[in-house]
Protein backbone atom coordinates (compact mmCIF):
# COMPACT_ATOMS: atom_id res chain seq x y z
CA MET A 1 107.45 196.18 -93.84
CA LEU A 2 110.91 195.07 -95.01
CA ALA A 3 110.21 191.45 -94.10
CA ALA A 4 106.82 191.48 -95.84
CA THR A 5 108.35 193.07 -98.93
CA TRP A 6 111.15 190.52 -99.10
CA ARG A 7 108.75 187.60 -98.73
CA CYS A 8 106.47 189.05 -101.40
CA LEU A 9 109.10 190.07 -103.95
CA ALA A 10 111.78 187.46 -103.37
CA GLY A 11 111.57 183.69 -103.16
CA ARG A 12 110.28 183.27 -106.73
CA SER A 13 112.23 181.90 -109.62
CA VAL A 14 112.55 183.78 -112.92
CA ARG A 15 110.40 181.12 -114.58
CA ASP A 16 107.64 181.57 -111.98
CA HIS A 17 107.68 185.31 -112.51
CA ALA A 18 107.47 184.92 -116.29
CA ILE A 19 104.44 182.69 -115.94
CA GLN A 20 102.74 185.18 -113.62
CA LEU A 21 103.57 188.04 -115.99
CA SER A 22 102.00 186.29 -118.98
CA ASP A 23 98.82 185.70 -116.98
CA ALA A 24 98.98 188.98 -115.06
CA HIS A 25 95.73 190.70 -114.26
CA VAL A 26 96.54 194.41 -114.10
CA THR A 27 93.82 197.02 -113.85
CA PRO A 28 94.15 199.72 -116.55
CA PRO A 29 94.64 203.28 -115.27
CA VAL A 30 91.41 205.14 -114.60
CA THR A 31 92.68 208.73 -114.69
CA ALA A 32 93.31 210.56 -117.95
CA LEU A 33 96.94 211.26 -117.03
CA GLY A 34 97.51 207.65 -116.02
CA ARG A 35 96.07 206.37 -119.30
CA TRP A 36 98.21 208.82 -121.27
CA LEU A 37 101.39 207.79 -119.47
CA ALA A 38 100.71 204.06 -119.87
CA GLU A 39 99.75 204.35 -123.54
CA PRO A 40 102.10 202.19 -125.64
CA GLY A 41 102.04 204.75 -128.44
CA ARG A 42 100.45 202.64 -131.18
CA GLU A 43 97.29 200.71 -131.93
CA LEU A 44 97.69 197.20 -130.54
CA PRO A 45 95.34 194.29 -129.78
CA ALA A 46 93.91 194.26 -126.28
CA PRO A 47 95.88 191.16 -125.11
CA ILE A 48 99.19 192.78 -126.10
CA ARG A 49 98.28 196.07 -124.40
CA ALA A 50 97.48 194.11 -121.24
CA VAL A 51 100.87 192.37 -121.27
CA LEU A 52 102.71 195.66 -121.85
CA LEU A 53 100.88 197.23 -118.93
CA ALA A 54 101.80 194.25 -116.75
CA GLU A 55 105.44 194.71 -117.78
CA LEU A 56 105.52 197.95 -115.78
CA PHE A 57 105.12 195.82 -112.65
CA ALA A 58 107.98 193.48 -113.55
CA SER A 59 111.28 193.36 -111.58
CA PRO A 60 109.94 194.79 -108.31
CA MET A 61 113.30 194.10 -106.67
CA ALA A 62 114.80 196.81 -108.90
CA VAL A 63 112.36 199.29 -107.36
CA LEU A 64 113.47 198.26 -103.88
CA ALA A 65 117.15 198.63 -104.83
CA ALA A 66 116.56 202.12 -106.26
CA LEU A 67 114.74 203.20 -103.12
CA ALA A 68 117.55 201.97 -100.91
CA ASN A 69 120.17 203.67 -103.11
CA GLY A 70 118.43 207.04 -102.84
CA LEU A 71 118.26 206.74 -99.07
CA LEU A 72 121.99 205.93 -98.97
CA LEU A 73 122.87 208.99 -101.07
CA ASN A 74 120.85 211.21 -98.77
CA ALA A 75 122.62 209.80 -95.74
CA THR A 76 126.02 210.40 -97.37
CA ALA A 77 125.15 214.02 -98.23
CA LEU A 78 123.90 214.61 -94.68
CA PHE A 79 127.11 213.17 -93.22
CA LEU A 80 129.37 215.29 -95.46
CA HIS A 81 127.59 218.65 -95.08
CA GLN A 82 125.33 218.45 -92.03
CA GLY A 83 122.83 220.65 -93.84
CA SER A 84 119.22 220.81 -92.71
CA ILE A 85 118.07 220.46 -96.32
CA PHE A 86 119.56 216.99 -96.52
CA LEU A 87 117.92 216.04 -93.23
CA VAL A 88 114.56 217.05 -94.73
CA PHE A 89 115.35 215.09 -97.88
CA MET A 90 116.28 212.04 -95.82
CA ILE A 91 112.99 212.16 -93.89
CA LEU A 92 111.00 212.60 -97.11
CA ASP A 93 112.99 209.82 -98.76
CA ALA A 94 112.22 207.47 -95.87
CA LEU A 95 108.51 208.28 -96.15
CA ALA A 96 108.63 207.80 -99.92
CA LEU A 97 110.43 204.50 -99.37
CA ALA A 98 107.67 203.23 -97.08
CA LEU A 99 104.91 204.46 -99.41
CA ARG A 100 106.48 203.05 -102.56
CA MET A 101 107.23 199.69 -100.94
CA GLY A 102 103.68 199.44 -99.63
CA ILE A 103 102.21 200.13 -103.08
CA VAL A 104 104.58 197.65 -104.76
CA VAL A 105 103.69 194.91 -102.27
CA ALA A 106 99.95 195.61 -102.61
CA CYS A 107 100.11 195.54 -106.42
CA THR A 108 102.24 192.39 -106.49
CA ARG A 109 99.80 190.56 -104.24
CA ALA A 110 96.81 191.83 -106.20
CA ILE A 111 98.32 190.55 -109.46
CA ALA A 112 98.97 187.13 -107.92
CA ARG A 113 95.38 186.96 -106.64
CA ARG A 114 93.89 188.43 -109.85
CA GLN A 115 92.41 191.34 -107.95
CA PRO A 116 92.20 195.02 -109.00
CA THR A 117 95.55 196.79 -108.83
CA LEU A 118 96.35 200.35 -107.74
CA THR A 119 97.77 201.16 -111.15
CA ASP A 120 97.34 204.94 -111.06
CA LEU A 121 98.79 205.14 -107.56
CA TYR A 122 101.68 202.94 -108.67
CA LEU A 123 102.46 205.25 -111.60
CA PHE A 124 102.09 208.50 -109.69
CA SER A 125 104.14 207.26 -106.72
CA GLY A 126 106.96 206.51 -109.14
CA ILE A 127 106.77 210.04 -110.55
CA LEU A 128 106.67 211.51 -107.02
CA TRP A 129 109.71 209.50 -105.94
CA CYS A 130 111.61 210.46 -109.10
CA THR A 131 110.80 214.14 -108.44
CA LEU A 132 112.18 213.80 -104.93
CA GLN A 133 115.35 212.14 -106.21
CA GLY A 134 115.83 214.89 -108.79
CA ALA A 135 115.44 217.63 -106.18
CA MET A 136 117.90 215.89 -103.88
CA VAL A 137 120.47 215.43 -106.70
CA CYS A 138 120.12 219.08 -107.70
CA ALA A 139 120.70 220.22 -104.10
CA ALA A 140 123.70 217.93 -103.71
CA MET A 141 125.24 219.16 -106.98
CA ARG A 142 125.22 222.72 -105.63
CA ALA A 143 127.46 221.68 -102.75
CA ALA A 144 131.19 222.32 -103.28
CA SER A 145 132.07 218.66 -102.87
CA PRO A 146 133.64 216.75 -105.78
CA PRO A 147 132.94 213.35 -104.15
CA LEU A 148 129.29 214.29 -103.82
CA HIS A 149 129.21 215.45 -107.45
CA VAL A 150 130.49 212.06 -108.55
CA LEU A 151 127.97 210.22 -106.36
CA CYS A 152 125.09 212.34 -107.68
CA ALA A 153 126.02 211.79 -111.32
CA ALA A 154 126.51 208.07 -110.73
CA THR A 155 123.16 207.84 -108.95
CA ALA A 156 121.27 209.66 -111.71
CA MET A 157 122.87 207.60 -114.47
CA GLY A 158 122.33 204.43 -112.45
CA LEU A 159 118.61 205.21 -112.22
CA ILE A 160 118.21 206.10 -115.90
CA GLY A 161 119.43 202.69 -117.05
CA PRO A 162 116.84 200.65 -115.09
CA ILE A 163 114.13 203.13 -116.11
CA CYS A 164 114.84 202.31 -119.77
CA ALA A 165 114.81 198.59 -119.02
CA ARG A 166 111.70 198.55 -116.80
CA ASN A 167 109.43 201.16 -118.41
CA TYR A 168 110.03 200.65 -122.14
CA ALA A 169 106.48 199.26 -122.37
CA ALA A 170 105.20 202.81 -121.66
CA PRO A 171 107.57 205.13 -123.59
CA ARG A 172 105.90 208.31 -122.38
CA LEU A 173 106.31 207.36 -118.74
CA ALA A 174 109.91 206.28 -119.28
CA MET A 175 110.92 209.52 -121.01
CA LEU A 176 109.16 211.64 -118.38
CA LEU A 177 111.16 210.00 -115.60
CA ILE A 178 114.42 210.22 -117.55
CA CYS A 179 113.91 213.91 -118.40
CA MET A 180 113.20 214.70 -114.76
CA LEU A 181 116.48 213.11 -113.62
CA ASP A 182 118.48 214.62 -116.47
CA ALA A 183 117.05 218.09 -115.80
CA SER A 184 118.03 217.83 -112.14
CA ILE A 185 121.65 217.03 -113.07
CA VAL A 186 121.85 219.93 -115.54
CA ALA A 187 120.17 222.38 -113.14
CA GLY A 188 122.48 221.36 -110.29
CA ALA A 189 125.53 221.77 -112.52
CA ALA A 190 124.39 225.23 -113.58
CA LEU A 191 123.82 226.29 -109.96
CA SER A 192 127.05 224.79 -108.64
CA GLY A 193 129.29 227.62 -109.85
CA ASN A 194 131.71 225.12 -111.33
CA ARG A 195 131.97 225.88 -115.02
CA TRP A 196 133.46 222.49 -115.79
CA LEU A 197 130.22 220.83 -114.69
CA LEU A 198 128.42 222.68 -117.49
CA ILE A 199 129.79 219.99 -119.78
CA LEU A 200 126.88 217.91 -118.43
CA ALA A 201 124.50 220.29 -120.26
CA VAL A 202 126.28 219.50 -123.52
CA GLN A 203 126.08 215.77 -122.81
CA SER A 204 122.37 215.94 -121.96
CA PRO A 205 120.97 215.86 -125.55
CA LEU A 206 123.24 212.93 -126.37
CA LEU A 207 122.01 211.09 -123.30
CA LEU A 208 118.37 211.71 -124.17
CA PHE A 209 118.92 210.61 -127.76
CA GLY A 210 120.53 207.39 -126.55
CA CYS A 211 117.67 206.74 -124.12
CA VAL A 212 115.07 207.28 -126.85
CA SER A 213 116.92 204.85 -129.10
CA VAL A 214 117.12 202.20 -126.38
CA ILE A 215 113.46 202.55 -125.39
CA ARG A 216 112.29 202.41 -129.02
CA ARG A 217 114.42 199.34 -129.62
CA PHE A 218 113.19 197.53 -126.49
CA HIS A 219 109.60 198.51 -127.22
CA GLY A 220 109.74 197.45 -130.88
CA VAL A 221 111.32 194.08 -130.16
CA SER A 222 108.87 193.37 -127.35
CA VAL A 223 105.82 194.32 -129.43
CA ALA A 224 107.01 192.23 -132.39
CA ALA A 225 107.51 189.20 -130.13
CA LEU A 226 104.11 189.70 -128.51
CA MET A 227 102.41 190.09 -131.90
CA ALA A 228 103.94 186.83 -133.08
CA GLN A 229 102.95 185.11 -129.85
CA ASN A 230 99.42 186.49 -130.08
CA GLU A 231 99.09 185.32 -133.69
CA SER A 232 100.41 181.87 -132.82
CA HIS A 233 98.01 181.70 -129.87
CA HIS A 234 95.10 182.66 -132.13
CA GLN A 235 95.99 180.17 -134.85
CA ALA A 236 96.35 177.34 -132.34
CA ARG A 237 92.82 177.95 -131.06
CA HIS A 238 90.93 178.80 -134.24
CA ASP A 239 90.03 176.93 -137.37
CA SER A 240 92.13 178.27 -140.23
CA LEU A 241 89.32 177.87 -142.78
CA THR A 242 86.31 179.40 -141.02
CA GLY A 243 87.92 181.48 -138.29
CA LEU A 244 85.75 179.78 -135.67
CA GLY A 245 87.17 178.12 -132.59
CA ASN A 246 88.71 174.68 -133.03
CA ARG A 247 88.86 171.82 -130.52
CA VAL A 248 91.65 173.49 -128.51
CA GLY A 249 89.82 176.82 -128.35
CA LEU A 250 86.59 175.01 -127.53
CA ALA A 251 88.21 173.14 -124.65
CA GLU A 252 89.62 176.34 -123.16
CA ALA A 253 86.32 178.18 -123.51
CA LEU A 254 84.45 175.29 -121.88
CA ALA A 255 87.03 175.07 -119.09
CA ARG A 256 86.34 178.69 -118.20
CA MET A 257 82.67 177.90 -117.67
CA ALA A 258 83.13 174.39 -116.25
CA ASP A 259 82.35 175.52 -112.69
CA ALA A 260 79.31 177.59 -113.64
CA GLU A 261 76.09 176.46 -112.01
CA GLU A 262 73.82 178.18 -114.52
CA GLU A 263 71.75 176.32 -117.07
CA MET A 264 73.19 175.82 -120.51
CA ALA A 265 72.35 174.24 -123.84
CA VAL A 266 74.67 172.31 -126.17
CA PHE A 267 73.90 172.11 -129.90
CA CYS A 268 75.68 169.63 -132.17
CA LEU A 269 75.28 170.60 -135.83
CA ASP A 270 75.90 168.63 -139.02
CA LEU A 271 75.32 169.85 -142.57
CA ASP A 272 72.97 167.84 -144.79
CA GLY A 273 74.12 167.37 -148.37
CA PHE A 274 77.59 168.82 -147.88
CA LYS A 275 79.38 165.69 -149.12
CA GLN A 276 77.46 165.76 -152.40
CA VAL A 277 78.39 169.41 -152.95
CA ASN A 278 82.01 168.69 -152.10
CA ASP A 279 82.17 165.71 -154.47
CA ARG A 280 80.34 167.42 -157.33
CA LEU A 281 81.90 170.90 -157.25
CA GLY A 282 85.28 170.15 -155.67
CA HIS A 283 87.00 170.86 -152.38
CA GLN A 284 87.46 174.57 -153.05
CA ALA A 285 83.72 175.00 -153.44
CA GLY A 286 83.24 172.93 -150.29
CA ASP A 287 85.59 175.21 -148.39
CA ARG A 288 83.70 178.31 -149.55
CA LEU A 289 80.46 176.66 -148.48
CA LEU A 290 81.83 175.97 -145.00
CA GLN A 291 82.96 179.58 -144.71
CA ALA A 292 79.53 180.86 -145.71
CA VAL A 293 77.79 178.55 -143.23
CA ALA A 294 80.18 179.67 -140.48
CA ARG A 295 79.28 183.30 -141.16
CA ARG A 296 75.57 182.54 -140.89
CA LEU A 297 76.04 180.63 -137.65
CA ALA A 298 78.17 183.42 -136.19
CA ALA A 299 75.47 185.95 -137.09
CA THR A 300 72.90 183.84 -135.22
CA THR A 301 74.87 183.52 -131.98
CA ARG A 302 75.75 186.03 -129.29
CA SER A 303 79.18 187.12 -128.12
CA THR A 304 78.69 185.13 -124.90
CA ASP A 305 77.97 181.89 -126.81
CA ILE A 306 80.67 179.40 -127.76
CA LEU A 307 80.79 178.49 -131.46
CA ALA A 308 83.38 176.06 -132.83
CA ARG A 309 84.03 173.79 -135.77
CA LEU A 310 84.81 170.25 -134.71
CA GLY A 311 85.99 169.17 -138.15
CA GLY A 312 84.53 168.41 -141.56
CA ASP A 313 80.98 169.75 -141.66
CA GLU A 314 80.36 169.43 -137.92
CA PHE A 315 79.92 172.39 -135.59
CA ILE A 316 79.05 172.89 -131.93
CA ILE A 317 77.37 175.75 -130.11
CA VAL A 318 77.23 176.13 -126.32
CA VAL A 319 74.76 178.72 -125.02
CA PRO A 320 74.90 179.57 -121.29
CA GLY A 321 71.71 180.34 -119.42
CA MET A 322 69.36 178.76 -122.01
CA ARG A 323 66.33 176.69 -120.93
CA PRO A 324 64.79 173.83 -123.00
CA PRO A 325 61.93 175.88 -124.54
CA ASP A 326 64.39 178.53 -125.69
CA ALA A 327 66.77 175.83 -126.93
CA GLN A 328 64.04 174.37 -129.13
CA ARG A 329 63.33 177.76 -130.71
CA PHE A 330 67.03 178.42 -131.15
CA ALA A 331 67.54 175.06 -132.90
CA GLU A 332 64.70 175.89 -135.31
CA ALA A 333 66.25 179.32 -135.95
CA LEU A 334 69.61 177.73 -136.75
CA ILE A 335 68.02 175.38 -139.28
CA ARG A 336 66.10 178.21 -140.93
CA ARG A 337 69.21 180.42 -141.08
CA VAL A 338 71.30 177.75 -142.79
CA MET A 339 68.57 176.55 -145.16
CA ASP A 340 66.79 179.85 -145.83
CA LYS A 341 68.81 180.91 -148.86
CA GLY A 342 71.05 179.10 -151.30
CA TYR A 343 74.80 179.54 -151.46
CA VAL A 344 76.42 181.01 -154.54
CA LEU A 345 79.78 179.24 -154.85
CA ASP A 346 80.65 179.80 -158.50
CA ASP A 347 79.00 180.88 -161.76
CA GLY A 348 76.40 178.14 -161.45
CA PRO A 349 73.04 178.21 -159.68
CA PRO A 350 72.91 178.59 -155.88
CA VAL A 351 73.58 175.45 -153.85
CA GLN A 352 71.03 174.38 -151.26
CA ILE A 353 72.01 172.38 -148.16
CA GLY A 354 70.30 171.43 -144.93
CA LEU A 355 71.17 171.27 -141.24
CA SER A 356 70.52 168.65 -138.59
CA VAL A 357 70.77 169.60 -134.93
CA GLY A 358 71.10 167.62 -131.72
CA VAL A 359 70.20 169.48 -128.52
CA ALA A 360 70.96 168.78 -124.87
CA CYS A 361 70.14 171.04 -121.94
CA SER A 362 71.26 171.04 -118.33
CA PRO A 363 70.18 169.88 -115.89
CA ASP A 364 67.56 167.76 -117.71
CA ASP A 365 70.08 165.99 -119.96
CA GLY A 366 72.96 166.00 -117.49
CA VAL A 367 75.07 168.40 -115.48
CA GLY A 368 78.54 167.94 -116.93
CA LEU A 369 79.75 169.32 -120.22
CA THR A 370 80.97 165.89 -121.33
CA GLU A 371 77.60 164.33 -120.62
CA LEU A 372 75.75 167.17 -122.35
CA TYR A 373 77.92 166.78 -125.44
CA ARG A 374 77.34 163.02 -125.46
CA ARG A 375 73.58 163.50 -125.29
CA ALA A 376 73.56 166.25 -127.93
CA ASP A 377 75.70 164.11 -130.23
CA ALA A 378 73.32 161.17 -129.83
CA HIS A 379 70.35 163.44 -130.57
CA LEU A 380 72.14 164.68 -133.67
CA TYR A 381 72.32 161.11 -134.98
CA GLU A 382 68.60 160.75 -134.32
CA ALA A 383 67.93 163.93 -136.31
CA LYS A 384 70.00 162.67 -139.24
CA ALA A 385 68.15 159.36 -139.20
CA ALA A 386 64.77 161.07 -138.90
CA GLY A 387 65.01 162.64 -142.33
CA LYS A 388 67.55 165.47 -141.85
CA GLY A 389 66.77 169.16 -141.72
CA VAL A 390 65.28 168.65 -138.23
CA TRP A 391 66.42 168.76 -134.63
CA ARG A 392 66.12 166.29 -131.79
CA GLY A 393 66.63 166.51 -128.06
CA ALA A 394 65.96 169.31 -125.56
CA ALA A 395 64.53 167.08 -122.83
CA GLY A 396 62.42 165.14 -125.28
CA GLY A 397 60.66 168.16 -126.74
CA ALA A 398 61.51 167.38 -130.34
CA PRO A 399 59.25 167.92 -133.33
CA PRO A 400 57.64 164.85 -134.88
CA GLY A 401 59.91 162.94 -137.21
CA PRO A 402 58.94 161.15 -140.43
CA GLN A 403 56.40 158.40 -140.24
CA GLY A 404 56.22 155.08 -142.06
CA PRO A 405 59.27 153.35 -143.47
CA ASP A 406 61.66 156.19 -142.67
CA ALA A 407 60.90 155.93 -138.98
CA ALA A 408 62.33 152.42 -138.87
CA GLN A 409 65.74 153.76 -139.85
CA THR A 410 66.18 155.46 -136.49
CA GLN A 411 68.58 153.51 -134.34
CA GLU A 412 70.75 154.02 -131.33
CA LYS A 413 74.05 155.67 -132.23
CA PRO A 414 77.11 153.62 -131.29
CA GLN A 415 79.28 155.40 -128.74
CA ALA A 416 82.52 156.80 -130.16
CA PRO A 417 85.71 156.47 -128.13
CA LEU A 418 86.34 159.39 -125.82
CA GLU A 419 89.13 161.87 -126.39
CA CYS A 420 90.48 164.31 -123.78
CA VAL A 421 90.43 167.78 -125.30
CA GLY A 422 91.10 169.94 -122.25
CA THR A 423 91.57 170.17 -118.53
CA HIS A 424 90.31 172.62 -115.97
CA GLN A 425 92.17 173.35 -112.75
CA GLY A 426 89.03 174.16 -110.80
CA ASP A 427 89.31 176.27 -107.69
CA GLY A 428 92.91 175.39 -106.90
CA LYS A 429 91.90 172.96 -104.13
CA GLY A 430 92.36 169.80 -106.11
CA GLN A 431 88.88 169.83 -107.61
CA GLY A 432 90.07 169.79 -111.22
CA LYS A 433 87.94 168.64 -114.15
CA VAL A 434 88.81 166.86 -117.37
CA LEU A 435 86.73 167.45 -120.49
CA PHE A 436 86.14 164.46 -122.80
CA PHE A 437 84.42 164.41 -126.19
CA PRO A 438 83.88 161.53 -128.62
CA ARG A 439 86.71 161.14 -131.13
CA ARG A 440 85.61 161.20 -134.76
């Protein structure tokens, strides 16, 4: 057990641990008590709550050190007094050591493998171990041994410090553990018969006040940093004008589904008449028009779909699990949604614009996301040349385009240079993927 624990908890640099913590997959507590103890105490976005929960699993070596220290104190008390109570405590402490180490190793491995963690058991085992330490300290304080009194006080204070540093992410849990240790010191002093030790009861409120201040400070600084990081992460992956995903967010979303074998449809969208509106009414009106179109597109898609703005008046939608017949109907629905009603941008009459759509479906139009985008982009050009306000693609199942002179305007779109917008690590066996899209 010791060897397995050391291999699991040691041998990693601080930088490696920080990376694992930021990507940690920790299962939220399932019991009511576990959820209450792990509650950060304020309303926070889900990503920040997840990181705070993962912080409880940080510094596992500190847990191992605390376990070893408690076992050493028990051994010292047994050697000095030869009491049966300390023998019982030592046996219980050894069992708690094995249990706690086993849970820590299991949770650490589960986090590394992104598997469900024994979060409730991890929390409750910590409370159980802290209860055992408090009972042992209280029993040792009753002994008429000044050296043992000093060791007990040093042990309790030495545990309270790491509790503040490790459990600040869950203030309720931290204060519960601290109060349990502090109560054991005060109770032992009261039962010792040494009136001078009652000074510890006077110091207790000051200690608790200091711990509350430290935990609140640690918690506040950590939450503020995480909020700033979360906001920066969001801004880097979303278009500041429309709130939709940008190229970076699109690449990450596509990378997450790059290994999926299911069918999917890619829709490349371009607004018809946007340039005229932008030139006639100004850029501010054009921005409001893009925001209104983005809201209509978002209302047409599902939460599982990927919707992003590529730039200008171009958008892209990726719909997993969609077959060509459904893609055709969806393309028609998008055009109707954008063109159905005018857009009121100022005091003037509503502005009317159109939408052209290029559609590509897997596996008929290709199997890779890059190839699907290339085909959908080419079909978009065909739709623009066919008279606008129409769609093209979906395995050739496009509606009839204009006849006569307008039909001669349709031509093959020149291929734009490719730009790498994201990478995907695959399954960790060297089968990575690189996502390329034409550069505008």
